[in-house]
Amino acid sequence: MRALLSHVPGGPDTLQITDLPSPTPSPGELLVRVRAAAINYPDVLIIEDKYQLKPPRPFAPGGEIAGEVIGVGDGVDDWREGDRLIAVPGFGGLVEEIVIPAASAFRLPGSRSSTDGAALLLTYATSIHALWDRGRLQAGQTLLVLGAAGGVGLAAVELGKARGARVVAAVSSEDKAQAAREAGADDAIVYPRGPFDRDGQKALADLFKRAVGPAGADVIYDPVGGDYAEPALRSIAWEGRYLVVGFPAGIPRLPLNLTLLKSCDVCGVFWGAFAMRDPTANAAHVAELFRLWDEGKISPRVSATYPLERAGEAIAALSSRQVIGKLVVEL
């Protein structure tokens, strides 16, 4: 089978197509023929050894897959060859065949394509855990979403609207603003690109405050970080919840006096650890995502697809922070 492997730390240009023997499922595992693998920001970091997970080399990036079962390990009773599934292995997905724990897989309905299925779990499961569990978002509240045209950002916009919230999308370009509006955002603002000096941060804070209104944002969803974080926090409501999701713009330093003045919470969002620690709650979230998908309230936006040979280009495109929605490698 073919695999796109990282042999040394570096950018997408260091990845190499390699032929490997087909793996064999152990007890409790499934052998999966990968049909599609979504690209996410951790793929940018993991090949450079900048992610919290550092698998031994050589390894394939690709943390999110859709495919079909072609082998069943001992002790697995509820899966059969030919069953379609989606899963988040964390890495290893840019291969033609992969072995995954059966407990980590979710059935993909026949009405959904592998490409769309591969684009669902990581972004939407992260966002539903963030907004439902960590942010305690309620109908009628105001949600500010930074990076609102990316994979997790668009998912947060759609889920916020499904929850009945007023959603303000913050993005870096007008075409991204349009994508956020199409996803249901009530308002979309375009912020300048950082880094910012103190005057620039103050201007950005004023932009956020005007957008969310005088009462502030009840929940702020931040998958961006960097110099955007403090201005966003300054727009939070009394007893609001600031959700720390990711840091493509850098790890910010927040002045904690702001949390005292607003009596607000700064909440970390680590969906992968949540899914491992509470698989029952995670499975309930995934079931709700499929229900919302069936109702037309959410829909993964795949902006481009790539063959395995060009998967490095997809990772490079994502690292540029110009992508709207998700990129998917089709095998």
C-alpha atoms as a PDB file:
ATOM      1  CA  MET A   1       0.000   0.000   0.000  1.00  0.00           C
ATOM      2  CA  ARG A   2       1.052   3.619  -0.496  1.00  0.00           C
ATOM      3  CA  ALA A   3       1.603   6.074   2.329  1.00  0.00           C
ATOM      4  CA  LEU A   4       2.774   9.688   2.563  1.00  0.00           C
ATOM      5  CA  LEU A   5       5.416   9.626   5.280  1.00  0.00           C
ATOM      6  CA  SER A   6       7.362  12.105   7.375  1.00  0.00           C
ATOM      7  CA  HIS A   7      10.908  10.771   7.719  1.00  0.00           C
ATOM      8  CA  VAL A   8      12.507  13.940   9.135  1.00  0.00           C
ATOM      9  CA  PRO A   9      11.096  17.061  10.828  1.00  0.00           C
ATOM     10  CA  GLY A  10      10.213  19.750   8.314  1.00  0.00           C
ATOM     11  CA  GLY A  11       7.572  21.265   6.087  1.00  0.00           C
ATOM     12  CA  PRO A  12       5.290  19.575   3.559  1.00  0.00           C
ATOM     13  CA  ASP A  13       8.131  19.352   1.033  1.00  0.00           C
ATOM     14  CA  THR A  14       9.829  16.747   3.255  1.00  0.00           C
ATOM     15  CA  LEU A  15       6.957  14.244   2.936  1.00  0.00           C
ATOM     16  CA  GLN A  16       7.576  11.219   0.706  1.00  0.00           C
ATOM     17  CA  ILE A  17       5.301   8.668  -0.945  1.00  0.00           C
ATOM     18  CA  THR A  18       6.416   5.230   0.282  1.00  0.00           C
ATOM     19  CA  ASP A  19       5.237   1.666  -0.318  1.00  0.00           C
ATOM     20  CA  LEU A  20       4.473  -0.247   2.880  1.00  0.00           C
ATOM     21  CA  PRO A  21       3.108  -3.712   3.647  1.00  0.00           C
ATOM     22  CA  SER A  22      -0.567  -3.859   4.552  1.00  0.00           C
ATOM     23  CA  PRO A  23      -1.138  -3.842   8.313  1.00  0.00           C
ATOM     24  CA  THR A  24      -2.995  -6.557  10.216  1.00  0.00           C
ATOM     25  CA  PRO A  25      -5.654  -5.762  12.813  1.00  0.00           C
ATOM     26  CA  SER A  26      -4.996  -6.955  16.344  1.00  0.00           C
ATOM     27  CA  PRO A  27      -7.777  -7.880  18.782  1.00  0.00           C
ATOM     28  CA  GLY A  28     -10.208  -4.993  19.164  1.00  0.00           C
ATOM     29  CA  GLU A  29      -9.061  -3.307  15.948  1.00  0.00           C
ATOM     30  CA  LEU A  30     -10.338  -2.675  12.434  1.00  0.00           C
ATOM     31  CA  LEU A  31      -8.389  -2.631   9.197  1.00  0.00           C
ATOM     32  CA  VAL A  32      -9.751   0.263   7.144  1.00  0.00           C
ATOM     33  CA  ARG A  33      -9.394   1.109   3.472  1.00  0.00           C
ATOM     34  CA  VAL A  34      -9.009   4.887   3.606  1.00  0.00           C
ATOM     35  CA  ARG A  35     -11.152   6.693   1.042  1.00  0.00           C
ATOM     36  CA  ALA A  36     -10.636  10.249   2.259  1.00  0.00           C
ATOM     37  CA  ALA A  37      -8.495  12.037   4.839  1.00  0.00           C
ATOM     38  CA  ALA A  38      -9.144  15.609   5.963  1.00  0.00           C
ATOM     39  CA  ILE A  39      -6.280  18.015   6.577  1.00  0.00           C
ATOM     40  CA  ASN A  40      -6.307  20.000   9.824  1.00  0.00           C
ATOM     41  CA  TYR A  41      -3.943  22.440  11.509  1.00  0.00           C
ATOM     42  CA  PRO A  42      -2.327  19.733  13.680  1.00  0.00           C
ATOM     43  CA  ASP A  43      -1.005  18.227  10.423  1.00  0.00           C
ATOM     44  CA  VAL A  44       0.961  21.441   9.867  1.00  0.00           C
ATOM     45  CA  LEU A  45       2.523  21.182  13.320  1.00  0.00           C
ATOM     46  CA  ILE A  46       3.045  17.448  13.712  1.00  0.00           C
ATOM     47  CA  ILE A  47       5.419  17.070  10.754  1.00  0.00           C
ATOM     48  CA  GLU A  48       7.582  19.886  12.204  1.00  0.00           C
ATOM     49  CA  ASP A  49       7.643  18.328  15.705  1.00  0.00           C
ATOM     50  CA  LYS A  50       5.698  21.345  17.035  1.00  0.00           C
ATOM     51  CA  TYR A  51       2.578  19.452  18.123  1.00  0.00           C
ATOM     52  CA  GLN A  52       1.984  18.010  21.608  1.00  0.00           C
ATOM     53  CA  LEU A  53       1.846  14.547  20.021  1.00  0.00           C
ATOM     54  CA  LYS A  54       5.197  13.427  18.563  1.00  0.00           C
ATOM     55  CA  PRO A  55       4.866   9.975  16.969  1.00  0.00           C
ATOM     56  CA  PRO A  56       7.994   7.972  16.150  1.00  0.00           C
ATOM     57  CA  ARG A  57       9.204   8.337  12.578  1.00  0.00           C
ATOM     58  CA  PRO A  58       8.493   7.481   9.933  1.00  0.00           C
ATOM     59  CA  PHE A  59       4.800   8.279  10.284  1.00  0.00           C
ATOM     60  CA  ALA A  60       2.005   9.546   8.075  1.00  0.00           C
ATOM     61  CA  PRO A  61       0.177  12.751   8.996  1.00  0.00           C
ATOM     62  CA  GLY A  62      -3.577  12.855   8.560  1.00  0.00           C
ATOM     63  CA  GLY A  63      -5.618  12.779  11.746  1.00  0.00           C
ATOM     64  CA  GLU A  64      -9.131  12.389  10.345  1.00  0.00           C
ATOM     65  CA  ILE A  65     -10.382   9.696   7.941  1.00  0.00           C
ATOM     66  CA  ALA A  66     -13.339   8.118   6.235  1.00  0.00           C
ATOM     67  CA  GLY A  67     -13.234   4.655   4.739  1.00  0.00           C
ATOM     68  CA  GLU A  68     -14.559   1.122   4.800  1.00  0.00           C
ATOM     69  CA  VAL A  69     -13.751  -1.924   6.880  1.00  0.00           C
ATOM     70  CA  ILE A  70     -11.644  -4.539   5.090  1.00  0.00           C
ATOM     71  CA  GLY A  71     -10.541  -6.545   8.105  1.00  0.00           C
ATOM     72  CA  VAL A  72     -11.875  -7.207  11.617  1.00  0.00           C
ATOM     73  CA  GLY A  73      -9.741  -8.141  14.608  1.00  0.00           C
ATOM     74  CA  ASP A  74     -10.685 -10.739  17.210  1.00  0.00           C
ATOM     75  CA  GLY A  75     -13.232  -9.620  19.753  1.00  0.00           C
ATOM     76  CA  VAL A  76     -14.927  -7.087  17.478  1.00  0.00           C
ATOM     77  CA  ASP A  77     -18.551  -8.133  17.084  1.00  0.00           C
ATOM     78  CA  ASP A  78     -20.347  -5.027  15.815  1.00  0.00           C
ATOM     79  CA  TRP A  79     -18.382  -4.310  12.629  1.00  0.00           C
ATOM     80  CA  ARG A  80     -18.304  -6.243   9.349  1.00  0.00           C
ATOM     81  CA  GLU A  81     -16.240  -6.000   6.191  1.00  0.00           C
ATOM     82  CA  GLY A  82     -17.732  -3.368   3.914  1.00  0.00           C
ATOM     83  CA  ASP A  83     -19.069  -1.172   6.730  1.00  0.00           C
ATOM     84  CA  ARG A  84     -18.370   2.532   6.168  1.00  0.00           C
ATOM     85  CA  LEU A  85     -16.953   4.642   8.958  1.00  0.00           C
ATOM     86  CA  ILE A  86     -15.290   7.849  10.063  1.00  0.00           C
ATOM     87  CA  ALA A  87     -12.637   8.167  12.761  1.00  0.00           C
ATOM     88  CA  VAL A  88      -9.991  10.472  14.188  1.00  0.00           C
ATOM     89  CA  PRO A  89      -6.791   8.432  14.593  1.00  0.00           C
ATOM     90  CA  GLY A  90      -4.756  11.567  15.407  1.00  0.00           C
ATOM     91  CA  PHE A  91      -2.150  10.781  12.769  1.00  0.00           C
ATOM     92  CA  GLY A  92      -1.466   8.059  10.222  1.00  0.00           C
ATOM     93  CA  GLY A  93      -4.409   8.784   7.939  1.00  0.00           C
ATOM     94  CA  LEU A  94      -2.555   9.634   4.722  1.00  0.00           C
ATOM     95  CA  VAL A  95      -2.269   5.973   3.811  1.00  0.00           C
ATOM     96  CA  GLU A  96      -4.275   3.581   1.712  1.00  0.00           C
ATOM     97  CA  GLU A  97      -4.888   1.248   4.674  1.00  0.00           C
ATOM     98  CA  ILE A  98      -4.861   1.919   8.407  1.00  0.00           C
ATOM     99  CA  VAL A  99      -5.549  -0.020  11.592  1.00  0.00           C
ATOM    100  CA  ILE A 100      -7.684   1.768  14.201  1.00  0.00           C
ATOM    101  CA  PRO A 101      -9.354   0.770  17.494  1.00  0.00           C
ATOM    102  CA  ALA A 102     -12.908  -0.329  16.754  1.00  0.00           C
ATOM    103  CA  ALA A 103     -14.114   1.729  19.705  1.00  0.00           C
ATOM    104  CA  SER A 104     -12.923   4.943  18.013  1.00  0.00           C
ATOM    105  CA  ALA A 105     -14.984   4.498  14.825  1.00  0.00           C
ATOM    106  CA  PHE A 106     -18.400   5.942  13.991  1.00  0.00           C
ATOM    107  CA  ARG A 107     -20.673   4.643  11.252  1.00  0.00           C
ATOM    108  CA  LEU A 108     -20.975   6.803   8.132  1.00  0.00           C
ATOM    109  CA  PRO A 109     -24.476   6.725   6.629  1.00  0.00           C
ATOM    110  CA  GLY A 110     -24.763   5.593   3.037  1.00  0.00           C
ATOM    111  CA  SER A 111     -26.249   8.957   2.104  1.00  0.00           C
ATOM    112  CA  ARG A 112     -22.982  10.763   2.958  1.00  0.00           C
ATOM    113  CA  SER A 113     -19.835  10.775   0.835  1.00  0.00           C
ATOM    114  CA  SER A 114     -16.469   9.770   2.243  1.00  0.00           C
ATOM    115  CA  THR A 115     -15.153  13.238   1.403  1.00  0.00           C
ATOM    116  CA  ASP A 116     -17.826  14.976   3.481  1.00  0.00           C
ATOM    117  CA  GLY A 117     -17.588  12.364   6.218  1.00  0.00           C
ATOM    118  CA  ALA A 118     -13.853  12.872   6.580  1.00  0.00           C
ATOM    119  CA  ALA A 119     -14.475  16.592   7.129  1.00  0.00           C
ATOM    120  CA  LEU A 120     -16.965  16.205   9.981  1.00  0.00           C
ATOM    121  CA  LEU A 121     -15.546  14.832  13.187  1.00  0.00           C
ATOM    122  CA  LEU A 122     -12.503  16.841  14.211  1.00  0.00           C
ATOM    123  CA  THR A 123     -13.915  20.298  13.573  1.00  0.00           C
ATOM    124  CA  TYR A 124     -17.548  19.765  14.545  1.00  0.00           C
ATOM    125  CA  ALA A 125     -16.840  17.503  17.521  1.00  0.00           C
ATOM    126  CA  THR A 126     -14.322  20.049  18.794  1.00  0.00           C
ATOM    127  CA  SER A 127     -16.818  22.868  18.345  1.00  0.00           C
ATOM    128  CA  ILE A 128     -19.820  21.109  19.904  1.00  0.00           C
ATOM    129  CA  HIS A 129     -17.727  20.139  22.941  1.00  0.00           C
ATOM    130  CA  ALA A 130     -16.415  23.707  23.157  1.00  0.00           C
ATOM    131  CA  LEU A 131     -19.787  25.436  22.854  1.00  0.00           C
ATOM    132  CA  TRP A 132     -22.034  22.958  24.677  1.00  0.00           C
ATOM    133  CA  ASP A 133     -19.742  21.760  27.495  1.00  0.00           C
ATOM    134  CA  ARG A 134     -17.087  24.416  28.022  1.00  0.00           C
ATOM    135  CA  GLY A 135     -18.931  27.514  26.841  1.00  0.00           C
ATOM    136  CA  ARG A 136     -22.415  26.571  28.085  1.00  0.00           C
ATOM    137  CA  LEU A 137     -23.846  28.507  25.147  1.00  0.00           C
ATOM    138  CA  GLN A 138     -27.581  29.180  25.367  1.00  0.00           C
ATOM    139  CA  ALA A 139     -30.229  30.509  22.992  1.00  0.00           C
ATOM    140  CA  GLY A 140     -30.303  34.289  22.873  1.00  0.00           C
ATOM    141  CA  GLN A 141     -26.679  34.706  23.931  1.00  0.00           C
ATOM    142  CA  THR A 142     -24.004  36.361  21.798  1.00  0.00           C
ATOM    143  CA  LEU A 143     -21.175  34.235  20.391  1.00  0.00           C
ATOM    144  CA  LEU A 144     -18.036  35.811  18.901  1.00  0.00           C
ATOM    145  CA  VAL A 145     -16.098  33.424  16.639  1.00  0.00           C
ATOM    146  CA  LEU A 146     -12.535  34.297  15.644  1.00  0.00           C
ATOM    147  CA  GLY A 147     -11.084  32.659  12.530  1.00  0.00           C
ATOM    148  CA  ALA A 148     -14.686  32.050  11.570  1.00  0.00           C
ATOM    149  CA  ALA A 149     -14.025  30.846   7.998  1.00  0.00           C
ATOM    150  CA  GLY A 150     -11.701  27.997   8.908  1.00  0.00           C
ATOM    151  CA  GLY A 151     -12.807  24.437   9.582  1.00  0.00           C
ATOM    152  CA  VAL A 152     -13.506  24.795  13.312  1.00  0.00           C
ATOM    153  CA  GLY A 153     -14.653  28.400  12.841  1.00  0.00           C
ATOM    154  CA  LEU A 154     -17.391  27.577  10.335  1.00  0.00           C
ATOM    155  CA  ALA A 155     -18.432  24.635  12.496  1.00  0.00           C
ATOM    156  CA  ALA A 156     -18.742  26.987  15.492  1.00  0.00           C
ATOM    157  CA  VAL A 157     -20.810  29.457  13.454  1.00  0.00           C
ATOM    158  CA  GLU A 158     -23.248  26.750  12.341  1.00  0.00           C
ATOM    159  CA  LEU A 159     -23.509  25.180  15.778  1.00  0.00           C
ATOM    160  CA  GLY A 160     -23.981  28.566  17.417  1.00  0.00           C
ATOM    161  CA  LYS A 161     -26.928  29.266  15.130  1.00  0.00           C
ATOM    162  CA  ALA A 162     -28.309  25.767  15.744  1.00  0.00           C
ATOM    163  CA  ARG A 163     -28.204  26.607  19.451  1.00  0.00           C
ATOM    164  CA  GLY A 164     -30.170  29.804  18.876  1.00  0.00           C
ATOM    165  CA  ALA A 165     -27.349  32.231  19.600  1.00  0.00           C
ATOM    166  CA  ARG A 166     -26.544  35.516  17.899  1.00  0.00           C
ATOM    167  CA  VAL A 167     -23.282  34.793  16.061  1.00  0.00           C
ATOM    168  CA  VAL A 168     -20.676  37.424  15.205  1.00  0.00           C
ATOM    169  CA  ALA A 169     -17.981  36.088  12.860  1.00  0.00           C
ATOM    170  CA  ALA A 170     -14.526  37.678  12.815  1.00  0.00           C
ATOM    171  CA  VAL A 171     -12.315  36.971   9.789  1.00  0.00           C
ATOM    172  CA  SER A 172      -9.360  38.378   7.877  1.00  0.00           C
ATOM    173  CA  SER A 173     -10.894  39.009   4.431  1.00  0.00           C
ATOM    174  CA  GLU A 174     -14.177  39.852   2.763  1.00  0.00           C
ATOM    175  CA  ASP A 175     -14.429  36.482   0.982  1.00  0.00           C
ATOM    176  CA  LYS A 176     -14.099  34.778   4.368  1.00  0.00           C
ATOM    177  CA  ALA A 177     -16.763  37.103   5.754  1.00  0.00           C
ATOM    178  CA  GLN A 178     -19.083  36.013   2.970  1.00  0.00           C
ATOM    179  CA  ALA A 179     -18.412  32.347   3.781  1.00  0.00           C
ATOM    180  CA  ALA A 180     -19.282  33.006   7.430  1.00  0.00           C
ATOM    181  CA  ARG A 181     -22.499  34.771   6.452  1.00  0.00           C
ATOM    182  CA  GLU A 182     -23.425  31.837   4.218  1.00  0.00           C
ATOM    183  CA  ALA A 183     -22.891  29.562   7.228  1.00  0.00           C
ATOM    184  CA  GLY A 184     -25.454  31.612   9.141  1.00  0.00           C
ATOM    185  CA  ALA A 185     -23.490  34.328  10.949  1.00  0.00           C
ATOM    186  CA  ASP A 186     -25.686  37.278  11.928  1.00  0.00           C
ATOM    187  CA  ASP A 187     -22.791  39.684  11.425  1.00  0.00           C
ATOM    188  CA  ALA A 188     -19.273  39.399  10.042  1.00  0.00           C
ATOM    189  CA  ILE A 189     -16.364  41.755  10.635  1.00  0.00           C
ATOM    190  CA  VAL A 190     -13.014  41.852   8.861  1.00  0.00           C
ATOM    191  CA  TYR A 191     -10.032  42.455  11.122  1.00  0.00           C
ATOM    192  CA  PRO A 192      -6.537  43.465   9.962  1.00  0.00           C
ATOM    193  CA  ARG A 193      -3.656  41.007  10.033  1.00  0.00           C
ATOM    194  CA  GLY A 194      -1.292  41.086  13.005  1.00  0.00           C
ATOM    195  CA  PRO A 195       1.060  41.411  14.680  1.00  0.00           C
ATOM    196  CA  PHE A 196      -0.311  44.508  16.421  1.00  0.00           C
ATOM    197  CA  ASP A 197       1.275  47.175  18.577  1.00  0.00           C
ATOM    198  CA  ARG A 198      -0.652  48.502  21.588  1.00  0.00           C
ATOM    199  CA  ASP A 199      -2.586  51.005  19.473  1.00  0.00           C
ATOM    200  CA  GLY A 200      -3.429  48.257  16.993  1.00  0.00           C
ATOM    201  CA  GLN A 201      -4.666  45.987  19.772  1.00  0.00           C
ATOM    202  CA  LYS A 202      -6.824  48.787  21.182  1.00  0.00           C
ATOM    203  CA  ALA A 203      -8.331  49.420  17.751  1.00  0.00           C
ATOM    204  CA  LEU A 204      -9.043  45.704  17.363  1.00  0.00           C
ATOM    205  CA  ALA A 205     -10.672  45.565  20.806  1.00  0.00           C
ATOM    206  CA  ASP A 206     -12.898  48.504  19.820  1.00  0.00           C
ATOM    207  CA  LEU A 207     -13.851  46.673  16.598  1.00  0.00           C
ATOM    208  CA  PHE A 208     -14.878  43.582  18.577  1.00  0.00           C
ATOM    209  CA  LYS A 209     -16.791  45.641  21.155  1.00  0.00           C
ATOM    210  CA  ARG A 210     -18.783  47.456  18.490  1.00  0.00           C
ATOM    211  CA  ALA A 211     -19.620  44.185  16.765  1.00  0.00           C
ATOM    212  CA  VAL A 212     -20.850  42.276  19.830  1.00  0.00           C
ATOM    213  CA  GLY A 213     -22.669  45.238  21.361  1.00  0.00           C
ATOM    214  CA  PRO A 214     -22.514  47.018  24.721  1.00  0.00           C
ATOM    215  CA  ALA A 215     -23.363  43.912  26.771  1.00  0.00           C
ATOM    216  CA  GLY A 216     -20.357  42.036  25.330  1.00  0.00           C
ATOM    217  CA  ALA A 217     -19.980  38.492  24.020  1.00  0.00           C
ATOM    218  CA  ASP A 218     -21.289  35.760  26.302  1.00  0.00           C
ATOM    219  CA  VAL A 219     -18.990  33.219  24.632  1.00  0.00           C
ATOM    220  CA  ILE A 220     -15.810  33.865  22.631  1.00  0.00           C
ATOM    221  CA  TYR A 221     -14.518  31.010  20.484  1.00  0.00           C
ATOM    222  CA  ASP A 222     -10.822  31.539  19.736  1.00  0.00           C
ATOM    223  CA  PRO A 223      -8.983  29.098  17.452  1.00  0.00           C
ATOM    224  CA  VAL A 224      -6.492  31.825  16.445  1.00  0.00           C
ATOM    225  CA  GLY A 225      -4.643  33.110  19.530  1.00  0.00           C
ATOM    226  CA  GLY A 226      -1.688  35.467  19.154  1.00  0.00           C
ATOM    227  CA  ASP A 227      -2.314  39.211  19.232  1.00  0.00           C
ATOM    228  CA  TYR A 228      -6.033  38.667  18.608  1.00  0.00           C
ATOM    229  CA  ALA A 229      -6.673  37.082  22.004  1.00  0.00           C
ATOM    230  CA  GLU A 230      -6.428  40.044  24.374  1.00  0.00           C
ATOM    231  CA  PRO A 231      -8.565  42.391  22.198  1.00  0.00           C
ATOM    232  CA  ALA A 232     -11.204  39.665  21.956  1.00  0.00           C
ATOM    233  CA  LEU A 233     -11.163  39.096  25.723  1.00  0.00           C
ATOM    234  CA  ARG A 234     -11.747  42.813  26.254  1.00  0.00           C
ATOM    235  CA  SER A 235     -15.088  42.431  24.450  1.00  0.00           C
ATOM    236  CA  ILE A 236     -16.389  39.677  26.733  1.00  0.00           C
ATOM    237  CA  ALA A 237     -19.606  39.979  28.733  1.00  0.00           C
ATOM    238  CA  TRP A 238     -19.938  39.861  32.512  1.00  0.00           C
ATOM    239  CA  GLU A 239     -19.453  36.191  33.489  1.00  0.00           C
ATOM    240  CA  GLY A 240     -18.650  35.338  29.866  1.00  0.00           C
ATOM    241  CA  ARG A 241     -16.673  32.287  28.739  1.00  0.00           C
ATOM    242  CA  TYR A 242     -13.530  32.628  26.624  1.00  0.00           C
ATOM    243  CA  LEU A 243     -12.751  29.347  24.826  1.00  0.00           C
ATOM    244  CA  VAL A 244      -9.107  28.588  24.075  1.00  0.00           C
ATOM    245  CA  VAL A 245      -9.137  26.359  20.977  1.00  0.00           C
ATOM    246  CA  GLY A 246      -5.860  26.879  19.071  1.00  0.00           C
ATOM    247  CA  PHE A 247      -2.861  29.067  18.366  1.00  0.00           C
ATOM    248  CA  PRO A 248      -1.947  29.412  14.662  1.00  0.00           C
ATOM    249  CA  ALA A 249      -1.131  33.089  15.340  1.00  0.00           C
ATOM    250  CA  GLY A 250       0.971  32.187  18.393  1.00  0.00           C
ATOM    251  CA  ILE A 251       0.384  31.450  22.085  1.00  0.00           C
ATOM    252  CA  PRO A 252      -1.001  34.609  23.717  1.00  0.00           C
ATOM    253  CA  ARG A 253      -0.343  36.104  27.143  1.00  0.00           C
ATOM    254  CA  LEU A 254      -3.601  37.288  28.670  1.00  0.00           C
ATOM    255  CA  PRO A 255      -3.741  39.975  31.403  1.00  0.00           C
ATOM    256  CA  LEU A 256      -5.587  38.141  34.152  1.00  0.00           C
ATOM    257  CA  ASN A 257      -6.895  41.370  35.654  1.00  0.00           C
ATOM    258  CA  LEU A 258      -9.429  41.315  32.797  1.00  0.00           C
ATOM    259  CA  THR A 259     -10.881  38.058  34.091  1.00  0.00           C
ATOM    260  CA  LEU A 260     -11.401  39.684  37.482  1.00  0.00           C
ATOM    261  CA  LEU A 261     -12.986  42.843  36.051  1.00  0.00           C
ATOM    262  CA  LYS A 262     -15.428  40.811  33.914  1.00  0.00           C
ATOM    263  CA  SER A 263     -15.807  37.901  36.355  1.00  0.00           C
ATOM    264  CA  CYS A 264     -15.285  35.707  33.288  1.00  0.00           C
ATOM    265  CA  ASP A 265     -13.887  32.237  32.653  1.00  0.00           C
ATOM    266  CA  VAL A 266     -10.974  31.318  30.397  1.00  0.00           C
ATOM    267  CA  CYS A 267     -11.661  27.717  29.352  1.00  0.00           C
ATOM    268  CA  GLY A 268      -9.320  25.324  27.587  1.00  0.00           C
ATOM    269  CA  VAL A 269     -10.818  23.095  24.899  1.00  0.00           C
ATOM    270  CA  PHE A 270      -9.003  19.770  24.322  1.00  0.00           C
ATOM    271  CA  TRP A 271     -11.491  17.636  22.446  1.00  0.00           C
ATOM    272  CA  GLY A 272      -9.143  14.677  21.947  1.00  0.00           C
ATOM    273  CA  ALA A 273      -8.614  14.243  25.691  1.00  0.00           C
ATOM    274  CA  PHE A 274     -12.343  14.735  26.329  1.00  0.00           C
ATOM    275  CA  ALA A 275     -13.215  12.012  23.803  1.00  0.00           C
ATOM    276  CA  MET A 276     -10.794   9.585  25.484  1.00  0.00           C
ATOM    277  CA  ARG A 277     -11.892  10.410  29.037  1.00  0.00           C
ATOM    278  CA  ASP A 278     -15.640  10.421  28.367  1.00  0.00           C
ATOM    279  CA  PRO A 279     -16.387   8.367  25.234  1.00  0.00           C
ATOM    280  CA  THR A 280     -20.078   8.106  26.143  1.00  0.00           C
ATOM    281  CA  ALA A 281     -20.530  11.888  26.181  1.00  0.00           C
ATOM    282  CA  ASN A 282     -18.496  12.214  22.996  1.00  0.00           C
ATOM    283  CA  ALA A 283     -20.633   9.585  21.254  1.00  0.00           C
ATOM    284  CA  ALA A 284     -23.749  11.519  22.283  1.00  0.00           C
ATOM    285  CA  HIS A 285     -22.262  14.658  20.730  1.00  0.00           C
ATOM    286  CA  VAL A 286     -21.479  12.796  17.491  1.00  0.00           C
ATOM    287  CA  ALA A 287     -25.044  11.449  17.368  1.00  0.00           C
ATOM    288  CA  GLU A 288     -26.307  15.014  17.779  1.00  0.00           C
ATOM    289  CA  LEU A 289     -24.015  16.179  14.962  1.00  0.00           C
ATOM    290  CA  PHE A 290     -25.497  13.580  12.608  1.00  0.00           C
ATOM    291  CA  ARG A 291     -28.986  14.707  13.613  1.00  0.00           C
ATOM    292  CA  LEU A 292     -28.139  18.364  12.947  1.00  0.00           C
ATOM    293  CA  TRP A 293     -26.595  17.335   9.617  1.00  0.00           C
ATOM    294  CA  ASP A 294     -29.771  15.488   8.658  1.00  0.00           C
ATOM    295  CA  GLU A 295     -31.797  18.577   9.594  1.00  0.00           C
ATOM    296  CA  GLY A 296     -29.621  20.778   7.371  1.00  0.00           C
ATOM    297  CA  LYS A 297     -28.356  22.878  10.284  1.00  0.00           C
ATOM    298  CA  ILE A 298     -24.723  21.922   9.723  1.00  0.00           C
ATOM    299  CA  SER A 299     -22.838  20.816   6.616  1.00  0.00           C
ATOM    300  CA  PRO A 300     -19.065  20.388   6.239  1.00  0.00           C
ATOM    301  CA  ARG A 301     -17.678  22.820   3.677  1.00  0.00           C
ATOM    302  CA  VAL A 302     -14.929  21.170   1.610  1.00  0.00           C
ATOM    303  CA  SER A 303     -13.262  23.890  -0.436  1.00  0.00           C
ATOM    304  CA  ALA A 304     -10.762  21.679  -2.301  1.00  0.00           C
ATOM    305  CA  THR A 305      -9.716  18.051  -2.721  1.00  0.00           C
ATOM    306  CA  TYR A 306      -6.286  16.596  -3.505  1.00  0.00           C
ATOM    307  CA  PRO A 307      -4.874  13.201  -4.498  1.00  0.00           C
ATOM    308  CA  LEU A 308      -2.452  11.507  -2.109  1.00  0.00           C
ATOM    309  CA  GLU A 309       0.522  12.599  -4.215  1.00  0.00           C
ATOM    310  CA  ARG A 310      -0.387  16.258  -3.620  1.00  0.00           C
ATOM    311  CA  ALA A 311      -1.366  16.009   0.036  1.00  0.00           C
ATOM    312  CA  GLY A 312       1.698  18.061   0.955  1.00  0.00           C
ATOM    313  CA  GLU A 313       0.208  20.929  -1.049  1.00  0.00           C
ATOM    314  CA  ALA A 314      -2.943  20.730   1.055  1.00  0.00           C
ATOM    315  CA  ILE A 315      -0.903  20.968   4.259  1.00  0.00           C
ATOM    316  CA  ALA A 316       1.028  23.930   2.831  1.00  0.00           C
ATOM    317  CA  ALA A 317      -2.209  25.672   1.838  1.00  0.00           C
ATOM    318  CA  LEU A 318      -3.616  25.248   5.331  1.00  0.00           C
ATOM    319  CA  SER A 319      -0.463  26.637   6.925  1.00  0.00           C
ATOM    320  CA  SER A 320      -0.916  29.840   4.907  1.00  0.00           C
ATOM    321  CA  ARG A 321      -4.199  30.500   6.779  1.00  0.00           C
ATOM    322  CA  GLN A 322      -5.950  31.328   3.516  1.00  0.00           C
ATOM    323  CA  VAL A 323      -8.206  28.260   3.383  1.00  0.00           C
ATOM    324  CA  ILE A 324     -11.975  28.518   3.765  1.00  0.00           C
ATOM    325  CA  GLY A 325     -13.530  25.425   5.337  1.00  0.00           C
ATOM    326  CA  LYS A 326     -11.794  22.070   4.976  1.00  0.00           C
ATOM    327  CA  LEU A 327      -9.297  20.468   2.588  1.00  0.00           C
ATOM    328  CA  VAL A 328      -9.633  16.736   1.933  1.00  0.00           C
ATOM    329  CA  VAL A 329      -7.251  14.217   0.372  1.00  0.00           C
ATOM    330  CA  GLU A 330      -9.111  11.594  -1.653  1.00  0.00           C
ATOM    331  CA  LEU A 331      -7.593   8.139  -2.057  1.00  0.00           C
END
